[in-house]
Amino acid sequence: MANKLVIVESPAKAKTISKYLGSDYTVLASVGHIRELVEPRDLPKELKKGPFG
């Protein structure tokens, strides 16, 4: 089974949170705020076929 992905703001937070969540989760840092989500119309064609389509 694939790991669940958790994205947090900083590497320090990612390290701390990953200790609590364990190996079933992958915790990554965005190294800043996530400000905008891509509009579906702006996705490349190959991504529209998958879970983001």
Foldseek 3Di string as FASTA:
>chain_A
DAAAEAEAADPVVQVVVCVVVDDSYRYYHPVHDDDDDDDLVPDPPVPVVDPSD
